Amino acid sequence: MITNEPKPTGDTGKSMNSYLAPLVQQIQPSGIRKFFDMAAGSKDIISLGVGEPDFKTPWHVREACVYSLERGFTGYTSNAGMPELREGIANYLQSRFAVEYNPANQIIATVGGSEAIDLALRALIAPGDEILIPEPCYISYSPITAIGGGIPVGIETFGENNFKLTAEALEAKITPRSKILILCYPSNPTGAIMSREDWEPIAKVVEKHDLIVISDEIYAELTYGSNHVSFPSLPGMIDRTILVSGFSKAFAMTGWRMGYACGHPDLISAMLKIHQYTVMCAPSMGQVAALEALTNGMEEKDRMTDSYNQRRRLIVKGLRDAGLDCHEPQGAFYAFPSIRRTGLTSDQFAQRLLLEYKVAAVPGSVFGLGGEGYLRCSYATSVSQLNEAIERIGEFVLQLERERTE
């Protein structure tokens, strides 16, 4: 007889959670995932929550991958990645951002930028090391730090300063146990950028306190009105910086899971040891696609960036017209409006907006210090969807004002 009852797993006499590592039990699930789960299965929801381009990977990139499969290119590559891809990355970084790396021993292809960050932290952290993290920030930095045995130390940034990191704020958090500074500019979730003038005092603090920097520059190509300044391009910073990036955002290749890390040969060698014992190498067909994107994909990249810029202007104006303060995001594809005037917490605002007006956005509180009172809205969606979402947000804000005056 067929039954849907679960099969017995053995009577241990205790919860299976008791077998889990205490550190893993302490880590909270993603705050972003919570809102995806709430939206799942609901109709007519407009999502401003996903940090993912709405463009498809360009045809020629997909065709390069298909052709590689047809030729039977389905085996392992070297652990560090195809030499041709590493050379392509080196040429790209030198021409676009004036940073030079030797593809033979200073570049490793990874399974997305996320693996590169994980490798860097695991290669560097000794138990008890403090990892400095400007916040609000990408939600993975602190959990990955904790899993690696480090202590995450948040540095709050502020909307009044366009969420830029300052040397004074960095200095205030440094202790004798400080070892690594994680940077993410252009910023997820704020859209903030840092100019060369902003970076120079940070570099002096880094050198003064002998810090290692992990610079997550996944949004480097998505800047509006100014060119991205890569942190390792500053004097004296290239040897003490691990540059992390990838193809997900600028080239619309999120599902390909292709990233890379660049740095001093000693640091990359240590990361490579972990990489070869965990994932062996990045997917070979993904590496072929990534090389094609670098070689022939710049025109499509520029067109996508121009489209994001149009949407950026649209959503910022729309949010301001709806009565929400919103600083000018100059990078990435996120707006980060303040919802403080409504009297709701970020979580309350996001939940009601989703349940009552069918717009999914992410509460700023999930991004760490300084995020409470804000809402992350991704504008990587169509103009028609953005217009409808802005209209619904405006109606919601008006409803909240009526409720406060009744």
Protein backbone atom coordinates (compact mmCIF):
# COMPACT_ATOMS: atom_id res chain seq x y z
CA MET A 1 0.00 0.00 0.00
CA ILE A 2 1.30 3.48 -0.94
CA THR A 3 1.41 5.94 1.92
CA ASN A 4 2.47 9.56 2.24
CA GLU A 5 3.72 9.10 5.78
CA PRO A 6 7.41 9.97 6.24
CA LYS A 7 9.79 7.05 6.45
CA PRO A 8 11.32 6.40 9.86
CA THR A 9 14.80 7.86 10.25
CA GLY A 10 15.72 6.05 13.46
CA ASP A 11 14.77 7.00 16.98
CA THR A 12 17.58 9.18 18.29
CA GLY A 13 15.52 10.45 21.18
CA LYS A 14 16.37 14.06 20.38
CA SER A 15 15.78 16.74 17.81
CA MET A 16 17.96 16.56 14.69
CA ASN A 17 18.80 20.23 15.33
CA SER A 18 20.95 19.06 18.21
CA TYR A 19 23.42 17.68 15.65
CA LEU A 20 23.86 21.03 13.94
CA ALA A 21 26.89 23.22 14.57
CA PRO A 22 25.93 25.89 17.15
CA LEU A 23 27.33 28.60 14.87
CA VAL A 24 25.04 27.58 12.02
CA GLN A 25 22.03 27.44 14.34
CA GLN A 26 22.68 31.04 15.36
CA ILE A 27 22.66 32.35 11.79
CA GLN A 28 19.33 33.84 10.78
CA PRO A 29 17.76 33.02 7.39
CA SER A 30 17.96 35.71 4.73
CA GLY A 31 15.62 38.63 5.39
CA ILE A 32 15.23 39.02 1.63
CA ARG A 33 14.12 35.42 1.23
CA LYS A 34 11.34 36.01 3.77
CA PHE A 35 9.66 38.48 1.43
CA PHE A 36 10.15 36.26 -1.60
CA ASP A 37 8.39 33.48 0.30
CA MET A 38 5.54 35.79 1.27
CA ALA A 39 5.08 36.78 -2.37
CA ALA A 40 5.26 33.23 -3.72
CA GLY A 41 2.02 32.14 -5.34
CA SER A 42 0.37 35.55 -5.07
CA LYS A 43 -0.99 37.12 -8.21
CA ASP A 44 -0.45 40.64 -9.54
CA ILE A 45 2.62 41.28 -7.41
CA ILE A 46 5.20 43.69 -8.77
CA SER A 47 8.62 42.76 -7.45
CA LEU A 48 11.16 45.46 -6.66
CA GLY A 49 12.95 43.02 -4.42
CA VAL A 50 15.19 40.97 -6.68
CA GLY A 51 18.75 42.13 -7.24
CA GLU A 52 18.76 40.63 -10.71
CA PRO A 53 18.73 42.16 -14.20
CA ASP A 54 15.47 41.68 -16.07
CA PHE A 55 17.45 41.31 -19.31
CA LYS A 56 18.28 37.93 -20.78
CA THR A 57 21.91 37.02 -21.30
CA PRO A 58 22.80 38.31 -24.80
CA TRP A 59 22.34 35.81 -27.63
CA HIS A 60 25.97 35.67 -28.67
CA VAL A 61 26.99 34.75 -25.11
CA ARG A 62 24.46 31.93 -25.00
CA GLU A 63 25.51 30.78 -28.47
CA ALA A 64 29.17 30.62 -27.42
CA CYS A 65 28.16 28.34 -24.56
CA VAL A 66 26.00 26.13 -26.82
CA TYR A 67 28.80 25.85 -29.38
CA SER A 68 31.25 24.82 -26.64
CA LEU A 69 28.84 22.06 -25.59
CA GLU A 70 28.44 20.90 -29.17
CA ARG A 71 32.22 20.60 -29.40
CA GLY A 72 32.22 18.50 -26.25
CA PHE A 73 33.87 21.07 -24.00
CA THR A 74 32.37 19.60 -20.84
CA GLY A 75 35.35 18.66 -18.69
CA TYR A 76 37.25 20.33 -15.88
CA THR A 77 39.41 23.35 -16.53
CA SER A 78 42.43 24.23 -14.43
CA ASN A 79 41.48 25.05 -10.86
CA ALA A 80 42.11 28.76 -11.39
CA GLY A 81 40.09 28.84 -14.60
CA MET A 82 40.78 28.83 -18.33
CA PRO A 83 43.98 30.76 -19.13
CA GLU A 84 42.10 32.60 -21.89
CA LEU A 85 39.45 33.78 -19.44
CA ARG A 86 42.02 34.95 -16.89
CA GLU A 87 43.84 36.84 -19.61
CA GLY A 88 40.54 38.39 -20.68
CA ILE A 89 39.79 39.48 -17.12
CA ALA A 90 43.28 40.98 -16.76
CA ASN A 91 42.94 42.95 -20.00
CA TYR A 92 39.46 44.13 -19.06
CA LEU A 93 40.47 45.36 -15.60
CA GLN A 94 43.54 47.15 -16.94
CA SER A 95 41.66 48.92 -19.72
CA ARG A 96 38.53 49.78 -17.73
CA PHE A 97 39.82 50.48 -14.22
CA ALA A 98 43.61 50.87 -14.47
CA VAL A 99 44.46 47.90 -12.25
CA GLU A 100 47.01 45.36 -13.47
CA TYR A 101 47.11 41.68 -12.55
CA ASN A 102 49.16 38.79 -13.83
CA PRO A 103 46.66 36.23 -15.15
CA ALA A 104 49.07 33.39 -14.37
CA ASN A 105 49.02 33.76 -10.59
CA GLN A 106 46.85 36.73 -9.55
CA ILE A 107 43.41 35.80 -10.90
CA ILE A 108 41.05 32.96 -10.05
CA ALA A 109 37.69 32.24 -11.72
CA THR A 110 35.05 31.41 -9.11
CA VAL A 111 31.47 30.21 -8.82
CA GLY A 112 30.02 33.70 -8.72
CA GLY A 113 31.34 36.64 -6.76
CA SER A 114 29.86 35.05 -3.65
CA GLU A 115 32.35 32.18 -3.71
CA ALA A 116 35.18 34.67 -4.21
CA ILE A 117 34.14 36.56 -1.05
CA ASP A 118 33.84 33.31 0.89
CA LEU A 119 37.26 32.12 -0.29
CA ALA A 120 38.88 35.43 0.61
CA LEU A 121 37.46 35.43 4.11
CA ARG A 122 38.27 31.78 4.80
CA ALA A 123 41.82 32.26 3.54
CA LEU A 124 42.39 35.28 5.79
CA ILE A 125 40.42 34.86 9.01
CA ALA A 126 41.98 33.51 12.16
CA PRO A 127 39.60 32.91 15.09
CA GLY A 128 38.69 36.17 16.77
CA ASP A 129 39.75 38.47 13.93
CA GLU A 130 37.49 41.48 13.54
CA ILE A 131 36.11 42.19 10.07
CA LEU A 132 35.06 45.77 9.41
CA ILE A 133 31.90 46.10 7.30
CA PRO A 134 30.33 49.43 6.25
CA GLU A 135 26.56 49.14 6.57
CA PRO A 136 23.87 49.06 5.21
CA CYS A 137 25.44 46.36 3.04
CA TYR A 138 24.94 43.14 1.12
CA ILE A 139 23.42 40.71 3.58
CA SER A 140 25.96 37.89 3.17
CA TYR A 141 29.09 39.57 4.54
CA SER A 142 28.37 39.17 8.25
CA PRO A 143 27.12 35.55 8.12
CA ILE A 144 30.07 34.44 5.98
CA THR A 145 32.42 36.21 8.38
CA ALA A 146 30.88 34.42 11.34
CA ILE A 147 31.01 31.03 9.62
CA GLY A 148 34.71 31.62 9.00
CA GLY A 149 35.36 32.29 12.67
CA GLY A 150 35.63 36.06 12.42
CA ILE A 151 33.77 38.79 14.29
CA PRO A 152 31.76 41.15 12.03
CA VAL A 153 31.98 44.79 13.10
CA GLY A 154 29.48 47.09 11.42
CA ILE A 155 30.32 50.68 10.52
CA GLU A 156 27.18 52.74 10.10
CA THR A 157 26.88 55.05 7.11
CA PHE A 158 24.20 57.69 6.72
CA GLY A 159 21.82 58.96 4.09
CA GLU A 160 22.77 62.54 4.92
CA ASN A 161 26.24 61.69 3.58
CA ASN A 162 24.92 59.63 0.65
CA PHE A 163 25.93 56.47 2.55
CA LYS A 164 29.64 57.04 1.91
CA LEU A 165 32.24 55.54 4.22
CA THR A 166 34.37 58.14 5.99
CA ALA A 167 37.85 57.81 7.42
CA GLU A 168 36.58 59.06 10.79
CA ALA A 169 33.89 56.37 10.99
CA LEU A 170 36.40 53.70 10.01
CA GLU A 171 38.98 54.85 12.57
CA ALA A 172 36.38 54.80 15.32
CA LYS A 173 35.77 51.06 14.86
CA ILE A 174 39.36 49.87 14.59
CA THR A 175 40.85 47.85 17.44
CA PRO A 176 44.03 45.77 17.76
CA ARG A 177 41.99 42.79 16.47
CA SER A 178 40.87 44.51 13.27
CA LYS A 179 42.21 42.69 10.22
CA ILE A 180 39.96 43.01 7.16
CA LEU A 181 37.84 45.79 5.68
CA ILE A 182 35.07 44.70 3.30
CA LEU A 183 34.02 47.32 0.77
CA CYS A 184 31.07 47.27 -1.64
CA TYR A 185 30.85 50.33 -3.87
CA PRO A 186 28.73 50.87 -5.88
CA SER A 187 26.61 49.74 -2.99
CA ASN A 188 23.95 47.15 -2.59
CA PRO A 189 21.48 48.28 -1.15
CA THR A 190 21.99 52.06 -1.26
CA GLY A 191 23.33 52.72 -4.75
CA ALA A 192 26.09 54.86 -3.20
CA ILE A 193 29.45 55.30 -4.91
CA MET A 194 32.86 56.53 -3.76
CA SER A 195 34.99 58.98 -5.75
CA ARG A 196 38.80 59.01 -5.77
CA GLU A 197 38.65 61.91 -3.31
CA ASP A 198 36.43 59.81 -1.04
CA TRP A 199 38.79 56.82 -1.28
CA GLU A 200 42.09 58.57 -0.58
CA PRO A 201 41.57 59.11 3.19
CA ILE A 202 40.23 55.54 3.49
CA ALA A 203 43.40 54.22 1.88
CA LYS A 204 45.51 56.12 4.40
CA VAL A 205 43.63 54.51 7.30
CA VAL A 206 44.01 51.08 5.70
CA GLU A 207 47.76 51.54 5.40
CA LYS A 208 48.12 53.06 8.86
CA HIS A 209 46.43 50.07 10.52
CA ASP A 210 47.84 47.42 8.16
CA LEU A 211 44.42 46.18 7.04
CA ILE A 212 43.62 43.80 4.21
CA VAL A 213 40.74 44.92 1.98
CA ILE A 214 38.16 42.79 0.19
CA SER A 215 36.67 45.11 -2.43
CA ASP A 216 33.42 43.76 -3.87
CA GLU A 217 33.07 45.62 -7.18
CA ILE A 218 30.31 43.55 -8.77
CA TYR A 219 28.43 46.75 -9.74
CA ALA A 220 31.50 48.55 -11.14
CA GLU A 221 29.99 48.90 -14.62
CA LEU A 222 26.71 50.28 -13.29
CA THR A 223 27.55 53.91 -12.49
CA TYR A 224 25.73 57.00 -13.73
CA GLY A 225 27.42 60.32 -14.38
CA SER A 226 30.89 59.27 -13.24
CA ASN A 227 33.28 56.38 -13.79
CA HIS A 228 33.88 53.75 -11.14
CA VAL A 229 37.09 54.11 -9.15
CA SER A 230 38.51 50.70 -8.25
CA PHE A 231 39.98 50.64 -4.77
CA PRO A 232 43.18 48.74 -5.72
CA SER A 233 43.93 51.49 -8.26
CA LEU A 234 44.87 53.81 -5.39
CA PRO A 235 48.59 54.11 -4.58
CA GLY A 236 49.81 51.28 -2.35
CA MET A 237 46.48 49.43 -2.29
CA ILE A 238 46.81 46.76 -4.98
CA ASP A 239 48.91 44.36 -2.88
CA ARG A 240 46.68 44.63 0.19
CA THR A 241 43.38 44.36 -1.72
CA ILE A 242 41.48 41.34 -3.00
CA LEU A 243 39.30 42.59 -5.83
CA VAL A 244 36.08 40.60 -6.23
CA SER A 245 33.74 40.91 -9.19
CA GLY A 246 31.76 38.88 -11.69
CA PHE A 247 29.43 38.80 -14.65
CA SER A 248 26.01 38.63 -12.99
CA LYS A 249 24.97 42.26 -12.91
CA ALA A 250 26.64 44.09 -15.80
CA PHE A 251 26.30 41.26 -18.31
CA ALA A 252 22.92 39.84 -17.14
CA MET A 253 24.46 36.47 -16.26
CA THR A 254 23.16 35.78 -12.75
CA GLY A 255 22.32 32.11 -13.27
CA TRP A 256 25.68 31.35 -14.86
CA ARG A 257 27.38 31.82 -11.48
CA MET A 258 30.61 33.24 -12.86
CA GLY A 259 32.85 35.47 -10.77
CA TYR A 260 36.50 36.10 -10.10
CA ALA A 261 38.99 37.33 -7.54
CA CYS A 262 42.27 39.15 -8.13
CA GLY A 263 45.07 39.92 -5.71
CA HIS A 264 48.59 39.33 -4.50
CA PRO A 265 49.89 35.90 -5.59
CA ASP A 266 50.20 34.72 -1.97
CA LEU A 267 46.56 35.56 -1.26
CA ILE A 268 45.24 34.05 -4.49
CA SER A 269 47.33 30.90 -3.91
CA ALA A 270 45.73 30.44 -0.49
CA MET A 271 42.24 30.96 -1.91
CA LEU A 272 42.99 28.52 -4.70
CA LYS A 273 43.78 25.76 -2.19
CA ILE A 274 40.31 26.08 -0.67
CA HIS A 275 38.68 26.41 -4.10
CA GLN A 276 40.28 23.22 -5.46
CA TYR A 277 39.12 21.16 -2.49
CA THR A 278 35.56 22.46 -2.52
CA VAL A 279 34.34 23.16 -6.07
CA MET A 280 37.38 22.11 -8.15
CA CYS A 281 36.78 24.78 -10.79
CA ALA A 282 34.09 27.10 -12.10
CA PRO A 283 31.81 25.48 -14.73
CA SER A 284 33.69 25.16 -18.00
CA MET A 285 30.78 26.24 -20.20
CA GLY A 286 30.20 29.25 -17.93
CA GLN A 287 33.81 30.25 -18.38
CA VAL A 288 33.39 30.15 -22.16
CA ALA A 289 30.32 32.38 -21.87
CA ALA A 290 32.13 34.79 -19.55
CA LEU A 291 35.01 35.14 -21.99
CA GLU A 292 32.57 35.84 -24.82
CA ALA A 293 30.88 38.53 -22.70
CA LEU A 294 34.21 40.26 -22.06
CA THR A 295 35.31 39.95 -25.67
CA ASN A 296 32.18 40.94 -27.56
CA GLY A 297 29.62 42.05 -24.99
CA MET A 298 30.45 45.68 -24.23
CA GLU A 299 27.84 47.21 -26.53
CA GLU A 300 25.03 45.21 -24.92
CA LYS A 301 26.40 46.07 -21.49
CA ASP A 302 26.30 49.77 -22.33
CA ARG A 303 22.74 49.51 -23.63
CA MET A 304 21.61 47.81 -20.44
CA THR A 305 23.37 50.45 -18.33
CA ASP A 306 21.64 53.23 -20.29
CA SER A 307 18.30 51.54 -19.64
CA TYR A 308 19.01 51.29 -15.90
CA ASN A 309 19.88 54.97 -15.85
CA GLN A 310 16.52 55.84 -17.41
CA ARG A 311 14.73 53.73 -14.80
CA ARG A 312 16.86 55.21 -12.02
CA ARG A 313 15.68 58.71 -12.83
CA LEU A 314 12.09 57.48 -13.10
CA ILE A 315 11.96 55.72 -9.74
CA VAL A 316 13.78 58.43 -7.78
CA LYS A 317 11.42 61.10 -9.09
CA GLY A 318 8.42 58.85 -8.50
CA LEU A 319 9.38 58.07 -4.91
CA ARG A 320 10.00 61.72 -4.15
CA ASP A 321 6.69 62.70 -5.74
CA ALA A 322 5.06 60.07 -3.53
CA GLY A 323 6.39 61.92 -0.50
CA LEU A 324 9.38 59.72 0.38
CA ASP A 325 12.84 61.21 0.81
CA CYS A 326 15.28 59.46 -1.50
CA HIS A 327 18.96 60.20 -1.93
CA GLU A 328 20.38 60.10 -5.46
CA PRO A 329 21.73 56.58 -6.12
CA GLN A 330 24.67 56.91 -8.49
CA GLY A 331 25.44 53.22 -8.95
CA ALA A 332 24.02 49.68 -8.99
CA PHE A 333 20.26 49.38 -9.65
CA TYR A 334 18.68 50.15 -6.29
CA ALA A 335 16.85 53.10 -4.81
CA PHE A 336 16.88 53.36 -1.02
CA PRO A 337 14.08 55.71 0.05
CA SER A 338 13.46 56.71 3.64
CA ILE A 339 10.07 55.66 5.01
CA ARG A 340 10.59 57.22 8.46
CA ARG A 341 7.96 59.91 7.96
CA THR A 342 5.27 57.20 7.79
CA GLY A 343 5.82 56.16 11.41
CA LEU A 344 6.20 52.49 10.44
CA THR A 345 9.28 50.35 10.82
CA SER A 346 10.90 49.11 7.64
CA ASP A 347 9.49 45.63 8.20
CA GLN A 348 5.97 46.93 8.85
CA PHE A 349 6.07 49.14 5.78
CA ALA A 350 7.35 46.35 3.52
CA GLN A 351 4.82 43.81 4.79
CA ARG A 352 1.84 46.11 4.38
CA LEU A 353 3.02 47.28 0.98
CA LEU A 354 3.21 43.66 -0.13
CA LEU A 355 -0.02 42.42 1.41
CA GLU A 356 -2.21 45.46 0.70
CA TYR A 357 -0.76 46.93 -2.49
CA LYS A 358 1.02 43.93 -4.06
CA VAL A 359 4.46 45.53 -4.31
CA ALA A 360 7.43 43.53 -3.02
CA ALA A 361 10.41 45.50 -1.73
CA VAL A 362 12.98 44.72 0.94
CA PRO A 363 13.03 46.38 4.39
CA GLY A 364 16.26 48.25 4.97
CA SER A 365 16.67 46.70 8.40
CA VAL A 366 17.92 43.42 6.88
CA PHE A 367 21.01 45.21 5.56
CA GLY A 368 22.51 46.06 8.94
CA LEU A 369 23.30 49.29 10.76
CA GLY A 370 21.61 52.37 9.33
CA GLY A 371 19.14 50.35 7.29
CA GLU A 372 16.15 50.73 9.59
CA GLY A 373 13.82 53.42 8.29
CA TYR A 374 14.60 52.65 4.64
CA LEU A 375 13.30 50.38 1.88
CA ARG A 376 15.36 48.80 -0.91
CA CYS A 377 13.66 49.07 -4.29
CA SER A 378 15.33 47.42 -7.26
CA TYR A 379 14.68 49.19 -10.54
CA ALA A 380 15.93 46.24 -12.61
CA THR A 381 12.43 45.74 -13.98
CA SER A 382 10.42 47.17 -16.86
CA VAL A 383 9.39 50.82 -17.07
CA SER A 384 5.70 49.85 -17.13
CA GLN A 385 6.14 47.79 -13.95
CA LEU A 386 8.05 50.61 -12.28
CA ASN A 387 5.32 53.14 -13.13
CA GLU A 388 2.66 50.86 -11.69
CA ALA A 389 4.73 50.17 -8.56
CA ILE A 390 5.34 53.88 -7.99
CA GLU A 391 1.62 54.58 -8.31
CA ARG A 392 0.81 51.89 -5.75
CA ILE A 393 3.49 53.13 -3.35
CA GLY A 394 2.07 56.65 -3.64
CA GLU A 395 -1.42 55.37 -2.82
CA PHE A 396 -0.05 53.47 0.17
CA VAL A 397 1.72 56.55 1.53
CA LEU A 398 -1.49 58.57 1.16
CA GLN A 399 -3.41 55.86 3.02
CA LEU A 400 -0.88 55.98 5.86
CA GLU A 401 -1.24 59.76 6.07
CA ARG A 402 -5.02 59.39 6.32
CA GLU A 403 -4.63 56.82 9.07
CA ARG A 404 -2.38 59.13 11.06
CA THR A 405 -4.85 62.03 10.89
CA GLU A 406 -7.97 60.06 11.73
